[in-house]
Amino acid sequence: MGRILLSISFVVLASAASAQQQVGHDACARDVSRFCRSVMGNGDQAVLACLKEHRARLSKACDKIMTEHGQ
């Protein structure tokens, strides 16, 4: 029984983290498309660096997500 509860807790936590990540993706998708299209194939770190370079021009939603994640 304990293992089942532990497994369920892990799945719930993983789902919450995934949902939060999706919110961040949705908030920044337009900014990535607008400012960082040329580096989209180079991985997440390249896109993050690009967003940081264009920080002053990001949408409020994307800027908020970046701030909430310590970027």
PDB file of N, CA and C in Angstrom:
ATOM      1  N   MET A   1       0.827  -1.200   0.000  1.00  0.00           N
ATOM      2  CA  MET A   1       0.000   0.000   0.000  1.00  0.00           C
ATOM      3  C   MET A   1       0.866   1.256   0.000  1.00  0.00           C
ATOM      4  N   GLY A   2       1.937   1.245   0.794  1.00  0.00           N
ATOM      5  CA  GLY A   2       2.837   2.396   0.868  1.00  0.00           C
ATOM      6  C   GLY A   2       3.487   2.703  -0.465  1.00  0.00           C
ATOM      7  N   ARG A   3       3.859   1.627  -1.185  1.00  0.00           N
ATOM      8  CA  ARG A   3       4.485   1.823  -2.500  1.00  0.00           C
ATOM      9  C   ARG A   3       3.507   2.453  -3.489  1.00  0.00           C
ATOM     10  N   ILE A   4       2.268   2.036  -3.410  1.00  0.00           N
ATOM     11  CA  ILE A   4       1.257   2.585  -4.314  1.00  0.00           C
ATOM     12  C   ILE A   4       1.069   4.080  -4.047  1.00  0.00           C
ATOM     13  N   LEU A   5       0.966   4.455  -2.774  1.00  0.00           N
ATOM     14  CA  LEU A   5       0.806   5.868  -2.445  1.00  0.00           C
ATOM     15  C   LEU A   5       2.022   6.670  -2.870  1.00  0.00           C
ATOM     16  N   LEU A   6       3.218   6.113  -2.685  1.00  0.00           N
ATOM     17  CA  LEU A   6       4.439   6.791  -3.108  1.00  0.00           C
ATOM     18  C   LEU A   6       4.447   6.968  -4.623  1.00  0.00           C
ATOM     19  N   SER A   7       4.046   5.940  -5.344  1.00  0.00           N
ATOM     20  CA  SER A   7       3.987   6.014  -6.803  1.00  0.00           C
ATOM     21  C   SER A   7       2.990   7.066  -7.266  1.00  0.00           C
ATOM     22  N   ILE A   8       1.834   7.086  -6.637  1.00  0.00           N
ATOM     23  CA  ILE A   8       0.811   8.070  -7.003  1.00  0.00           C
ATOM     24  C   ILE A   8       1.309   9.479  -6.717  1.00  0.00           C
ATOM     25  N   SER A   9       1.960   9.669  -5.585  1.00  0.00           N
ATOM     26  CA  SER A   9       2.505  10.991  -5.245  1.00  0.00           C
ATOM     27  C   SER A   9       3.518  11.434  -6.278  1.00  0.00           C
ATOM     28  N   PHE A  10       4.383  10.523  -6.699  1.00  0.00           N
ATOM     29  CA  PHE A  10       5.397  10.855  -7.699  1.00  0.00           C
ATOM     30  C   PHE A  10       4.744  11.251  -9.019  1.00  0.00           C
ATOM     31  N   VAL A  11       3.739  10.519  -9.435  1.00  0.00           N
ATOM     32  CA  VAL A  11       3.043  10.818 -10.698  1.00  0.00           C
ATOM     33  C   VAL A  11       2.373  12.191 -10.623  1.00  0.00           C
ATOM     34  N   VAL A  12       1.749  12.493  -9.490  1.00  0.00           N
ATOM     35  CA  VAL A  12       1.095  13.795  -9.323  1.00  0.00           C
ATOM     36  C   VAL A  12       2.126  14.919  -9.377  1.00  0.00           C
ATOM     37  N   LEU A  13       3.249  14.762  -8.698  1.00  0.00           N
ATOM     38  CA  LEU A  13       4.301  15.787  -8.724  1.00  0.00           C
ATOM     39  C   LEU A  13       4.877  15.948 -10.123  1.00  0.00           C
ATOM     40  N   ALA A  14       5.111  14.858 -10.812  1.00  0.00           N
ATOM     41  CA  ALA A  14       5.638  14.919 -12.174  1.00  0.00           C
ATOM     42  C   ALA A  14       4.645  15.609 -13.102  1.00  0.00           C
ATOM     43  N   SER A  15       3.370  15.330 -12.930  1.00  0.00           N
ATOM     44  CA  SER A  15       2.341  15.966 -13.757  1.00  0.00           C
ATOM     45  C   SER A  15       2.276  17.465 -13.504  1.00  0.00           C
ATOM     46  N   ALA A  16       2.393  17.877 -12.248  1.00  0.00           N
ATOM     47  CA  ALA A  16       2.371  19.302 -11.915  1.00  0.00           C
ATOM     48  C   ALA A  16       3.574  20.014 -12.517  1.00  0.00           C
ATOM     49  N   ALA A  17       4.742  19.397 -12.457  1.00  0.00           N
ATOM     50  CA  ALA A  17       5.948  19.997 -13.035  1.00  0.00           C
ATOM     51  C   ALA A  17       5.803  20.116 -14.546  1.00  0.00           C
ATOM     52  N   SER A  18       5.238  19.094 -15.162  1.00  0.00           N
ATOM     53  CA  SER A  18       5.028  19.110 -16.603  1.00  0.00           C
ATOM     54  C   SER A  18       4.047  20.205 -16.998  1.00  0.00           C
ATOM     55  N   ALA A  19       2.987  20.367 -16.236  1.00  0.00           N
ATOM     56  CA  ALA A  19       1.988  21.409 -16.524  1.00  0.00           C
ATOM     57  C   ALA A  19       2.610  22.792 -16.392  1.00  0.00           C
ATOM     58  N   GLN A  20       3.447  22.992 -15.365  1.00  0.00           N
ATOM     59  CA  GLN A  20       4.098  24.293 -15.189  1.00  0.00           C
ATOM     60  C   GLN A  20       5.049  24.571 -16.347  1.00  0.00           C
ATOM     61  N   GLN A  21       5.761  23.548 -16.799  1.00  0.00           N
ATOM     62  CA  GLN A  21       6.671  23.707 -17.920  1.00  0.00           C
ATOM     63  C   GLN A  21       5.890  24.087 -19.173  1.00  0.00           C
ATOM     64  N   GLN A  22       4.715  23.501 -19.369  1.00  0.00           N
ATOM     65  CA  GLN A  22       3.883  23.809 -20.531  1.00  0.00           C
ATOM     66  C   GLN A  22       3.415  25.257 -20.485  1.00  0.00           C
ATOM     67  N   VAL A  23       3.063  25.752 -19.301  1.00  0.00           N
ATOM     68  CA  VAL A  23       2.648  27.152 -19.162  1.00  0.00           C
ATOM     69  C   VAL A  23       3.780  28.064 -19.603  1.00  0.00           C
ATOM     70  N   GLY A  24       5.003  27.757 -19.173  1.00  0.00           N
ATOM     71  CA  GLY A  24       6.166  28.550 -19.572  1.00  0.00           C
ATOM     72  C   GLY A  24       6.388  28.506 -21.063  1.00  0.00           C
ATOM     73  N   HIS A  25       6.219  27.334 -21.631  1.00  0.00           N
ATOM     74  CA  HIS A  25       6.368  27.189 -23.078  1.00  0.00           C
ATOM     75  C   HIS A  25       5.337  28.025 -23.809  1.00  0.00           C
ATOM     76  N   ASP A  26       4.088  27.938 -23.372  1.00  0.00           N
ATOM     77  CA  ASP A  26       3.015  28.698 -24.014  1.00  0.00           C
ATOM     78  C   ASP A  26       3.246  30.204 -23.895  1.00  0.00           C
ATOM     79  N   ALA A  27       3.721  30.643 -22.739  1.00  0.00           N
ATOM     80  CA  ALA A  27       3.924  32.074 -22.503  1.00  0.00           C
ATOM     81  C   ALA A  27       5.030  32.634 -23.391  1.00  0.00           C
ATOM     82  N   CYS A  28       6.014  31.820 -23.716  1.00  0.00           N
ATOM     83  CA  CYS A  28       7.165  32.313 -24.478  1.00  0.00           C
ATOM     84  C   CYS A  28       7.189  31.866 -25.938  1.00  0.00           C
ATOM     85  N   ALA A  29       6.233  31.046 -26.341  1.00  0.00           N
ATOM     86  CA  ALA A  29       6.256  30.493 -27.698  1.00  0.00           C
ATOM     87  C   ALA A  29       6.296  31.581 -28.772  1.00  0.00           C
ATOM     88  N   ARG A  30       5.493  32.600 -28.622  1.00  0.00           N
ATOM     89  CA  ARG A  30       5.459  33.668 -29.627  1.00  0.00           C
ATOM     90  C   ARG A  30       6.791  34.431 -29.647  1.00  0.00           C
ATOM     91  N   ASP A  31       7.353  34.677 -28.457  1.00  0.00           N
ATOM     92  CA  ASP A  31       8.636  35.386 -28.380  1.00  0.00           C
ATOM     93  C   ASP A  31       9.753  34.554 -29.003  1.00  0.00           C
ATOM     94  N   VAL A  32       9.749  33.254 -28.749  1.00  0.00           N
ATOM     95  CA  VAL A  32      10.759  32.378 -29.349  1.00  0.00           C
ATOM     96  C   VAL A  32      10.620  32.415 -30.864  1.00  0.00           C
ATOM     97  N   SER A  33       9.396  32.322 -31.348  1.00  0.00           N
ATOM     98  CA  SER A  33       9.159  32.358 -32.784  1.00  0.00           C
ATOM     99  C   SER A  33       9.596  33.689 -33.391  1.00  0.00           C
ATOM    100  N   ARG A  34       9.344  34.765 -32.688  1.00  0.00           N
ATOM    101  CA  ARG A  34       9.657  36.099 -33.184  1.00  0.00           C
ATOM    102  C   ARG A  34      11.159  36.405 -33.138  1.00  0.00           C
ATOM    103  N   PHE A  35      11.793  36.120 -32.007  1.00  0.00           N
ATOM    104  CA  PHE A  35      13.177  36.557 -31.804  1.00  0.00           C
ATOM    105  C   PHE A  35      14.227  35.456 -31.962  1.00  0.00           C
ATOM    106  N   CYS A  36      13.851  34.216 -31.813  1.00  0.00           N
ATOM    107  CA  CYS A  36      14.847  33.150 -31.699  1.00  0.00           C
ATOM    108  C   CYS A  36      14.657  32.011 -32.695  1.00  0.00           C
ATOM    109  N   ARG A  37      13.921  32.253 -33.736  1.00  0.00           N
ATOM    110  CA  ARG A  37      13.650  31.202 -34.723  1.00  0.00           C
ATOM    111  C   ARG A  37      14.943  30.574 -35.260  1.00  0.00           C
ATOM    112  N   SER A  38      15.967  31.385 -35.443  1.00  0.00           N
ATOM    113  CA  SER A  38      17.212  30.883 -36.035  1.00  0.00           C
ATOM    114  C   SER A  38      17.975  29.913 -35.140  1.00  0.00           C
ATOM    115  N   VAL A  39      17.703  29.913 -33.835  1.00  0.00           N
ATOM    116  CA  VAL A  39      18.421  29.017 -32.924  1.00  0.00           C
ATOM    117  C   VAL A  39      17.533  27.909 -32.359  1.00  0.00           C
ATOM    118  N   MET A  40      16.312  27.798 -32.831  1.00  0.00           N
ATOM    119  CA  MET A  40      15.376  26.812 -32.282  1.00  0.00           C
ATOM    120  C   MET A  40      15.903  25.384 -32.404  1.00  0.00           C
ATOM    121  N   GLY A  41      16.648  25.075 -33.403  1.00  0.00           N
ATOM    122  CA  GLY A  41      17.177  23.726 -33.593  1.00  0.00           C
ATOM    123  C   GLY A  41      18.447  23.453 -32.811  1.00  0.00           C
ATOM    124  N   ASN A  42      18.921  24.443 -32.067  1.00  0.00           N
ATOM    125  CA  ASN A  42      20.191  24.305 -31.354  1.00  0.00           C
ATOM    126  C   ASN A  42      20.024  23.911 -29.888  1.00  0.00           C
ATOM    127  N   GLY A  43      18.818  23.616 -29.456  1.00  0.00           N
ATOM    128  CA  GLY A  43      18.582  23.165 -28.091  1.00  0.00           C
ATOM    129  C   GLY A  43      18.041  24.259 -27.184  1.00  0.00           C
ATOM    130  N   ASP A  44      17.580  23.814 -26.016  1.00  0.00           N
ATOM    131  CA  ASP A  44      16.936  24.712 -25.060  1.00  0.00           C
ATOM    132  C   ASP A  44      17.864  25.806 -24.548  1.00  0.00           C
ATOM    133  N   GLN A  45      19.128  25.473 -24.327  1.00  0.00           N
ATOM    134  CA  GLN A  45      20.061  26.467 -23.790  1.00  0.00           C
ATOM    135  C   GLN A  45      20.289  27.606 -24.778  1.00  0.00           C
ATOM    136  N   ALA A  46      20.326  27.289 -26.064  1.00  0.00           N
ATOM    137  CA  ALA A  46      20.495  28.324 -27.088  1.00  0.00           C
ATOM    138  C   ALA A  46      19.265  29.230 -27.136  1.00  0.00           C
ATOM    139  N   VAL A  47      18.087  28.636 -27.015  1.00  0.00           N
ATOM    140  CA  VAL A  47      16.854  29.425 -27.021  1.00  0.00           C
ATOM    141  C   VAL A  47      16.797  30.310 -25.778  1.00  0.00           C
ATOM    142  N   LEU A  48      17.164  29.762 -24.629  1.00  0.00           N
ATOM    143  CA  LEU A  48      17.178  30.542 -23.394  1.00  0.00           C
ATOM    144  C   LEU A  48      18.146  31.720 -23.510  1.00  0.00           C
ATOM    145  N   ALA A  49      19.328  31.473 -24.046  1.00  0.00           N
ATOM    146  CA  ALA A  49      20.309  32.549 -24.229  1.00  0.00           C
ATOM    147  C   ALA A  49      19.757  33.623 -25.160  1.00  0.00           C
ATOM    148  N   CYS A  50      19.059  33.208 -26.197  1.00  0.00           N
ATOM    149  CA  CYS A  50      18.460  34.157 -27.135  1.00  0.00           C
ATOM    150  C   CYS A  50      17.382  34.994 -26.449  1.00  0.00           C
ATOM    151  N   LEU A  51      16.535  34.331 -25.666  1.00  0.00           N
ATOM    152  CA  LEU A  51      15.494  35.077 -24.943  1.00  0.00           C
ATOM    153  C   LEU A  51      16.124  36.106 -24.003  1.00  0.00           C
ATOM    154  N   LYS A  52      17.209  35.718 -23.353  1.00  0.00           N
ATOM    155  CA  LYS A  52      17.900  36.648 -22.454  1.00  0.00           C
ATOM    156  C   LYS A  52      18.456  37.836 -23.230  1.00  0.00           C
ATOM    157  N   GLU A  53      18.968  37.600 -24.433  1.00  0.00           N
ATOM    158  CA  GLU A  53      19.492  38.680 -25.272  1.00  0.00           C
ATOM    159  C   GLU A  53      18.394  39.671 -25.655  1.00  0.00           C
ATOM    160  N   HIS A  54      17.174  39.187 -25.789  1.00  0.00           N
ATOM    161  CA  HIS A  54      16.045  40.023 -26.202  1.00  0.00           C
ATOM    162  C   HIS A  54      15.124  40.363 -25.031  1.00  0.00           C
ATOM    163  N   ARG A  55      15.627  40.280 -23.828  1.00  0.00           N
ATOM    164  CA  ARG A  55      14.831  40.435 -22.605  1.00  0.00           C
ATOM    165  C   ARG A  55      13.954  41.692 -22.627  1.00  0.00           C
ATOM    166  N   ALA A  56      14.486  42.799 -23.058  1.00  0.00           N
ATOM    167  CA  ALA A  56      13.740  44.065 -23.048  1.00  0.00           C
ATOM    168  C   ALA A  56      12.555  44.049 -24.011  1.00  0.00           C
ATOM    169  N   ARG A  57      12.556  43.131 -24.967  1.00  0.00           N
ATOM    170  CA  ARG A  57      11.507  43.093 -25.975  1.00  0.00           C
ATOM    171  C   ARG A  57      10.505  41.963 -25.768  1.00  0.00           C
ATOM    172  N   LEU A  58      10.692  41.148 -24.717  1.00  0.00           N
ATOM    173  CA  LEU A  58       9.806  40.005 -24.479  1.00  0.00           C
ATOM    174  C   LEU A  58       8.427  40.457 -24.011  1.00  0.00           C
ATOM    175  N   SER A  59       7.446  39.605 -24.262  1.00  0.00           N
ATOM    176  CA  SER A  59       6.099  39.870 -23.762  1.00  0.00           C
ATOM    177  C   SER A  59       6.122  39.831 -22.232  1.00  0.00           C
ATOM    178  N   LYS A  60       5.140  40.455 -21.624  1.00  0.00           N
ATOM    179  CA  LYS A  60       5.058  40.474 -20.163  1.00  0.00           C
ATOM    180  C   LYS A  60       4.933  39.058 -19.603  1.00  0.00           C
ATOM    181  N   ALA A  61       4.150  38.218 -20.268  1.00  0.00           N
ATOM    182  CA  ALA A  61       3.950  36.842 -19.791  1.00  0.00           C
ATOM    183  C   ALA A  61       5.259  36.053 -19.814  1.00  0.00           C
ATOM    184  N   CYS A  62       6.007  36.168 -20.886  1.00  0.00           N
ATOM    185  CA  CYS A  62       7.270  35.446 -20.999  1.00  0.00           C
ATOM    186  C   CYS A  62       8.282  36.000 -19.996  1.00  0.00           C
ATOM    187  N   ASP A  63       8.349  37.299 -19.865  1.00  0.00           N
ATOM    188  CA  ASP A  63       9.256  37.919 -18.905  1.00  0.00           C
ATOM    189  C   ASP A  63       8.943  37.439 -17.487  1.00  0.00           C
ATOM    190  N   LYS A  64       7.659  37.331 -17.179  1.00  0.00           N
ATOM    191  CA  LYS A  64       7.247  36.869 -15.850  1.00  0.00           C
ATOM    192  C   LYS A  64       7.702  35.426 -15.614  1.00  0.00           C
ATOM    193  N   ILE A  65       7.501  34.566 -16.587  1.00  0.00           N
ATOM    194  CA  ILE A  65       7.915  33.164 -16.463  1.00  0.00           C
ATOM    195  C   ILE A  65       9.427  33.076 -16.295  1.00  0.00           C
ATOM    196  N   MET A  66      10.165  33.851 -17.061  1.00  0.00           N
ATOM    197  CA  MET A  66      11.615  33.830 -16.955  1.00  0.00           C
ATOM    198  C   MET A  66      12.051  34.267 -15.562  1.00  0.00           C
ATOM    199  N   THR A  67      11.432  35.322 -15.040  1.00  0.00           N
ATOM    200  CA  THR A  67      11.763  35.804 -13.705  1.00  0.00           C
ATOM    201  C   THR A  67      11.435  34.763 -12.650  1.00  0.00           C
ATOM    202  N   GLU A  68      10.277  34.139 -12.773  1.00  0.00           N
ATOM    203  CA  GLU A  68       9.865  33.100 -11.812  1.00  0.00           C
ATOM    204  C   GLU A  68      10.814  31.913 -11.800  1.00  0.00           C
ATOM    205  N   HIS A  69      11.504  31.687 -12.909  1.00  0.00           N
ATOM    206  CA  HIS A  69      12.446  30.573 -12.997  1.00  0.00           C
ATOM    207  C   HIS A  69      13.898  31.023 -12.825  1.00  0.00           C
ATOM    208  N   GLY A  70      14.071  32.213 -12.306  1.00  0.00           N
ATOM    209  CA  GLY A  70      15.418  32.688 -11.979  1.00  0.00           C
ATOM    210  C   GLY A  70      16.280  33.041 -13.163  1.00  0.00           C
ATOM    211  N   GLN A  71      15.650  33.423 -14.256  1.00  0.00           N
ATOM    212  CA  GLN A  71      16.422  33.772 -15.455  1.00  0.00           C
ATOM    213  C   GLN A  71      16.447  35.250 -15.709  1.00  0.00           C
TER     214      GLN A  71
END
